[in-house]
Amino acid sequence: MAVACGESFTTVVAEQGDVWAFGRGDHGQLGLGTDEDQLLPALLGKGGDVYDGEAVVLIAAGFAHTACVTAKGTLWSWGDGGDG
């Protein structure tokens, strides 16, 4: 398991490599396909919507973005890309 916290949001990687997110979502940083806040943990992309169904092994969060690395070494990111 892994946890990453951004500005007013949290992401969690479960043992199976699934990603859960909750908190502020105004820049798409939760990865749920909306810019709405999420009060309870929500599962991202089960079946491959966010990271092609690959198990996530690392996760990081910034002010309004999230990035993860899968077991196959693929890097995924979402949220505000305004600063690079």
C-alpha atoms as a PDB file:
ATOM      1  CA  MET A   1       0.000   0.000   0.000  1.00  0.00           C
ATOM      2  CA  ALA A   2       1.003   3.580  -0.594  1.00  0.00           C
ATOM      3  CA  VAL A   3      -0.509   6.978   0.188  1.00  0.00           C
ATOM      4  CA  ALA A   4       0.145  10.339  -1.482  1.00  0.00           C
ATOM      5  CA  CYS A   5      -1.367  13.648  -0.418  1.00  0.00           C
ATOM      6  CA  GLY A   6      -1.743  16.774  -2.496  1.00  0.00           C
ATOM      7  CA  GLU A   7      -3.343  20.107  -1.674  1.00  0.00           C
ATOM      8  CA  SER A   8      -6.647  19.027  -0.077  1.00  0.00           C
ATOM      9  CA  PHE A   9      -6.796  15.555  -1.673  1.00  0.00           C
ATOM     10  CA  THR A  10      -5.470  12.058  -1.008  1.00  0.00           C
ATOM     11  CA  THR A  11      -4.690   9.062  -3.198  1.00  0.00           C
ATOM     12  CA  VAL A  12      -4.174   5.495  -1.972  1.00  0.00           C
ATOM     13  CA  VAL A  13      -2.768   2.423  -3.715  1.00  0.00           C
ATOM     14  CA  ALA A  14      -4.334  -0.792  -2.397  1.00  0.00           C
ATOM     15  CA  GLU A  15      -2.476  -4.111  -2.126  1.00  0.00           C
ATOM     16  CA  GLN A  16      -3.834  -5.255  -5.525  1.00  0.00           C
ATOM     17  CA  GLY A  17      -2.510  -2.109  -7.215  1.00  0.00           C
ATOM     18  CA  ASP A  18      -5.869  -0.347  -7.529  1.00  0.00           C
ATOM     19  CA  VAL A  19      -5.942   3.414  -6.875  1.00  0.00           C
ATOM     20  CA  TRP A  20      -8.495   5.167  -4.678  1.00  0.00           C
ATOM     21  CA  ALA A  21      -8.865   8.949  -4.408  1.00  0.00           C
ATOM     22  CA  PHE A  22     -10.840  11.477  -2.396  1.00  0.00           C
ATOM     23  CA  GLY A  23     -10.882  15.149  -1.479  1.00  0.00           C
ATOM     24  CA  ARG A  24     -10.784  18.249  -3.626  1.00  0.00           C
ATOM     25  CA  GLY A  25     -11.067  17.542  -7.361  1.00  0.00           C
ATOM     26  CA  ASP A  26     -11.324  20.948  -9.024  1.00  0.00           C
ATOM     27  CA  HIS A  27      -8.370  20.330 -11.385  1.00  0.00           C
ATOM     28  CA  GLY A  28      -9.075  16.683 -12.212  1.00  0.00           C
ATOM     29  CA  GLN A  29      -6.364  15.610  -9.753  1.00  0.00           C
ATOM     30  CA  LEU A  30      -8.510  12.758  -8.431  1.00  0.00           C
ATOM     31  CA  GLY A  31      -8.524  11.042 -11.823  1.00  0.00           C
ATOM     32  CA  LEU A  32     -12.252  10.383 -11.708  1.00  0.00           C
ATOM     33  CA  GLY A  33     -13.077  12.101 -14.990  1.00  0.00           C
ATOM     34  CA  THR A  34     -14.725  15.110 -13.337  1.00  0.00           C
ATOM     35  CA  ASP A  35     -13.674  18.247 -11.501  1.00  0.00           C
ATOM     36  CA  GLU A  36     -15.996  17.589  -8.574  1.00  0.00           C
ATOM     37  CA  ASP A  37     -14.915  16.995  -4.983  1.00  0.00           C
ATOM     38  CA  GLN A  38     -15.159  13.441  -3.653  1.00  0.00           C
ATOM     39  CA  LEU A  39     -15.942  13.085   0.054  1.00  0.00           C
ATOM     40  CA  LEU A  40     -15.451   9.308   0.247  1.00  0.00           C
ATOM     41  CA  PRO A  41     -12.691   7.205  -1.352  1.00  0.00           C
ATOM     42  CA  ALA A  42     -13.571   6.316  -4.954  1.00  0.00           C
ATOM     43  CA  LEU A  43     -11.921   3.654  -7.112  1.00  0.00           C
ATOM     44  CA  LEU A  44     -10.182   4.926 -10.231  1.00  0.00           C
ATOM     45  CA  GLY A  45     -10.507   3.187 -13.563  1.00  0.00           C
ATOM     46  CA  LYS A  46     -11.146  -0.400 -12.586  1.00  0.00           C
ATOM     47  CA  GLY A  47     -10.708  -2.259 -15.861  1.00  0.00           C
ATOM     48  CA  GLY A  48      -8.192   0.162 -17.284  1.00  0.00           C
ATOM     49  CA  ASP A  49      -9.809   3.586 -17.595  1.00  0.00           C
ATOM     50  CA  VAL A  50      -6.879   5.391 -15.972  1.00  0.00           C
ATOM     51  CA  TYR A  51      -3.824   3.144 -16.193  1.00  0.00           C
ATOM     52  CA  ASP A  52      -4.717   0.395 -18.704  1.00  0.00           C
ATOM     53  CA  GLY A  53      -5.563  -2.097 -15.957  1.00  0.00           C
ATOM     54  CA  GLU A  54      -1.931  -2.355 -14.842  1.00  0.00           C
ATOM     55  CA  ALA A  55      -1.236  -2.633 -11.110  1.00  0.00           C
ATOM     56  CA  VAL A  56       0.085   0.610  -9.647  1.00  0.00           C
ATOM     57  CA  VAL A  57       3.213   0.300  -7.491  1.00  0.00           C
ATOM     58  CA  LEU A  58       4.144   3.956  -6.827  1.00  0.00           C
ATOM     59  CA  ILE A  59       2.068   7.101  -6.485  1.00  0.00           C
ATOM     60  CA  ALA A  60       2.867  10.775  -5.942  1.00  0.00           C
ATOM     61  CA  ALA A  61       0.754  13.905  -5.621  1.00  0.00           C
ATOM     62  CA  GLY A  62       1.445  17.600  -6.010  1.00  0.00           C
ATOM     63  CA  PHE A  63      -0.640  20.711  -5.527  1.00  0.00           C
ATOM     64  CA  ALA A  64      -3.261  19.736  -8.138  1.00  0.00           C
ATOM     65  CA  HIS A  65      -1.904  16.687  -9.958  1.00  0.00           C
ATOM     66  CA  THR A  66      -1.221  12.999  -9.414  1.00  0.00           C
ATOM     67  CA  ALA A  67       1.304  10.643 -10.991  1.00  0.00           C
ATOM     68  CA  CYS A  68       1.725   6.896 -10.684  1.00  0.00           C
ATOM     69  CA  VAL A  69       4.011   4.167 -11.971  1.00  0.00           C
ATOM     70  CA  THR A  70       2.687   0.710 -12.824  1.00  0.00           C
ATOM     71  CA  ALA A  71       4.330  -2.666 -12.297  1.00  0.00           C
ATOM     72  CA  LYS A  72       5.291  -2.605 -16.004  1.00  0.00           C
ATOM     73  CA  GLY A  73       7.079   0.741 -15.549  1.00  0.00           C
ATOM     74  CA  THR A  74       4.497   2.927 -17.277  1.00  0.00           C
ATOM     75  CA  LEU A  75       4.150   6.474 -15.922  1.00  0.00           C
ATOM     76  CA  TRP A  76       0.648   7.986 -15.792  1.00  0.00           C
ATOM     77  CA  SER A  77      -0.331  11.467 -14.665  1.00  0.00           C
ATOM     78  CA  TRP A  78      -3.515  13.511 -14.418  1.00  0.00           C
ATOM     79  CA  GLY A  79      -4.765  16.791 -13.044  1.00  0.00           C
ATOM     80  CA  ASP A  80      -3.460  20.328 -13.569  1.00  0.00           C
ATOM     81  CA  GLY A  81      -0.448  20.483 -15.890  1.00  0.00           C
ATOM     82  CA  GLY A  82      -0.165  24.256 -15.755  1.00  0.00           C
ATOM     83  CA  ASP A  83       3.341  24.236 -14.272  1.00  0.00           C
ATOM     84  CA  GLY A  84       4.880  21.566 -16.442  1.00  0.00           C
END
